[in-house]
Amino acid sequence: MPGELPAPLVQLEWVAPYNALLRRAIHTLKYGGEQRLAEPLGAAIAGRWARVGVGATLVTHVPVHADRARVRGYDQAALIARSAARHVGLPFEPVLERRRATIAQFDLDRARRATNVAGAFTV
């Protein structure tokens, strides 16, 4: 519901069901070093935005912790967001900073996910 979203965030969209193919692509990008996958994933996001009419002025991402990016060699969310920004013709701006590391979210329920990231980010 829009009333539950923080201002100025008024629209959240998903690109595709999180099925085996998408899960494998994201996992391979994150853990397999296949940075090339960021381009088609960003293009898919841009395609979805074009269909739903997002009225954004910029594209940003939810960053990984600096230690994780250093080990991995990149921030996969930034790569995807940069690709999406290019495809929709908007600037990419890294406006969030991850202040502390968090545990992996994939096994957590919604409430535990919220607790896990509480206070982890700053603008």
Protein backbone atom coordinates (compact mmCIF):
# COMPACT_ATOMS: atom_id res chain seq x y z
CA MET A 1 0.00 0.00 0.00
CA PRO A 2 1.36 3.46 -0.84
CA GLY A 3 0.54 4.67 2.69
CA GLU A 4 3.03 2.15 4.07
CA LEU A 5 5.92 3.20 1.83
CA PRO A 6 8.35 5.87 3.00
CA ALA A 7 8.21 9.18 1.15
CA PRO A 8 9.30 9.80 -1.57
CA LEU A 9 9.12 6.08 -2.45
CA VAL A 10 5.64 5.64 -3.87
CA GLN A 11 6.01 2.70 -6.20
CA LEU A 12 7.61 -0.72 -5.95
CA GLU A 13 7.67 -3.09 -8.89
CA TRP A 14 8.83 -6.63 -9.48
CA VAL A 15 10.28 -7.76 -12.79
CA ALA A 16 9.51 -11.47 -12.86
CA PRO A 17 8.56 -14.35 -10.60
CA TYR A 18 11.57 -15.52 -8.61
CA ASN A 19 11.70 -18.90 -10.33
CA ALA A 20 14.59 -21.28 -10.97
CA LEU A 21 15.89 -19.37 -14.02
CA LEU A 22 15.95 -15.95 -12.33
CA ARG A 23 17.32 -17.41 -9.09
CA ARG A 24 20.12 -19.13 -11.02
CA ALA A 25 20.98 -15.93 -12.93
CA ILE A 26 21.16 -13.83 -9.77
CA HIS A 27 23.11 -16.52 -7.90
CA THR A 28 25.58 -16.82 -10.78
CA LEU A 29 26.02 -13.04 -10.90
CA LYS A 30 26.50 -12.78 -7.13
CA TYR A 31 28.59 -15.87 -6.43
CA GLY A 32 29.86 -17.07 -9.79
CA GLY A 33 31.48 -13.84 -10.96
CA GLU A 34 29.35 -13.60 -14.11
CA GLN A 35 29.08 -9.82 -14.19
CA ARG A 36 27.77 -10.00 -17.77
CA LEU A 37 24.41 -11.10 -16.36
CA ALA A 38 23.87 -7.60 -14.92
CA GLU A 39 23.12 -6.27 -18.41
CA PRO A 40 20.13 -8.51 -19.25
CA LEU A 41 18.83 -8.24 -15.69
CA GLY A 42 19.02 -4.45 -15.88
CA ALA A 43 17.34 -4.52 -19.28
CA ALA A 44 14.51 -6.63 -17.81
CA ILE A 45 14.02 -4.08 -15.05
CA ALA A 46 13.97 -1.26 -17.60
CA GLY A 47 11.43 -3.14 -19.69
CA ARG A 48 9.16 -3.56 -16.69
CA TRP A 49 9.48 0.13 -15.81
CA ALA A 50 8.59 1.07 -19.38
CA ARG A 51 5.40 -1.03 -19.15
CA VAL A 52 4.23 0.28 -15.76
CA GLY A 53 5.16 3.93 -16.24
CA VAL A 54 7.48 4.56 -13.32
CA GLY A 55 7.82 8.32 -12.80
CA ALA A 56 11.36 8.23 -11.41
CA THR A 57 14.06 10.87 -11.72
CA LEU A 58 16.98 8.55 -10.94
CA VAL A 59 17.90 4.92 -10.36
CA THR A 60 19.68 3.72 -7.25
CA HIS A 61 20.44 0.39 -5.60
CA VAL A 62 20.61 -1.25 -2.20
CA PRO A 63 24.36 -1.69 -1.77
CA VAL A 64 26.23 -4.66 -0.39
CA HIS A 65 28.57 -4.01 2.52
CA ALA A 66 32.00 -2.67 1.50
CA ASP A 67 33.69 -5.83 2.83
CA ARG A 68 31.44 -8.02 0.67
CA ALA A 69 32.06 -5.84 -2.41
CA ARG A 70 35.80 -5.98 -1.78
CA VAL A 71 35.80 -9.80 -1.56
CA ARG A 72 33.49 -10.21 -4.55
CA GLY A 73 35.19 -7.46 -6.55
CA TYR A 74 31.93 -5.69 -7.35
CA ASP A 75 28.46 -4.85 -6.07
CA GLN A 76 25.99 -6.82 -8.17
CA ALA A 77 23.09 -4.52 -7.26
CA ALA A 78 25.04 -1.50 -8.54
CA LEU A 79 25.83 -3.30 -11.81
CA ILE A 80 22.16 -4.15 -12.36
CA ALA A 81 20.98 -0.65 -11.41
CA ARG A 82 23.51 1.00 -13.74
CA SER A 83 22.28 -1.18 -16.60
CA ALA A 84 18.64 -0.37 -15.83
CA ALA A 85 19.44 3.34 -15.64
CA ARG A 86 21.15 3.24 -19.02
CA HIS A 87 18.18 1.47 -20.60
CA VAL A 88 15.59 3.91 -19.22
CA GLY A 89 17.73 7.00 -19.79
CA LEU A 90 17.94 8.06 -16.16
CA PRO A 91 21.00 8.84 -14.07
CA PHE A 92 22.31 6.22 -11.67
CA GLU A 93 23.02 7.70 -8.25
CA PRO A 94 24.37 5.62 -5.35
CA VAL A 95 22.34 7.41 -2.66
CA LEU A 96 22.33 4.66 -0.02
CA GLU A 97 25.27 3.60 2.10
CA ARG A 98 25.37 0.33 3.99
CA ARG A 99 26.64 1.25 7.45
CA ARG A 100 27.00 -2.27 8.78
CA ALA A 101 27.14 -5.80 7.50
CA THR A 102 24.00 -7.93 7.83
CA ILE A 103 23.41 -11.66 7.65
CA ALA A 104 22.11 -13.18 4.41
CA GLN A 105 18.38 -12.57 4.00
CA PHE A 106 17.38 -15.63 1.95
CA ASP A 107 16.40 -17.81 4.92
CA LEU A 108 14.66 -15.07 6.91
CA ASP A 109 10.95 -14.38 7.07
CA ARG A 110 9.61 -10.85 6.48
CA ALA A 111 9.82 -9.75 10.14
CA ARG A 112 13.34 -11.07 10.61
CA ARG A 113 14.43 -9.44 7.36
CA ALA A 114 13.21 -6.07 8.61
CA THR A 115 15.02 -6.52 11.92
CA ASN A 116 18.17 -7.66 10.14
CA VAL A 117 18.47 -4.48 8.06
CA ALA A 118 17.14 -2.01 10.66
CA GLY A 119 19.66 0.81 10.93
CA ALA A 120 21.98 -0.77 8.35
CA PHE A 121 21.55 1.99 5.77
CA THR A 122 21.91 5.73 5.58
CA VAL A 123 21.16 8.19 2.78
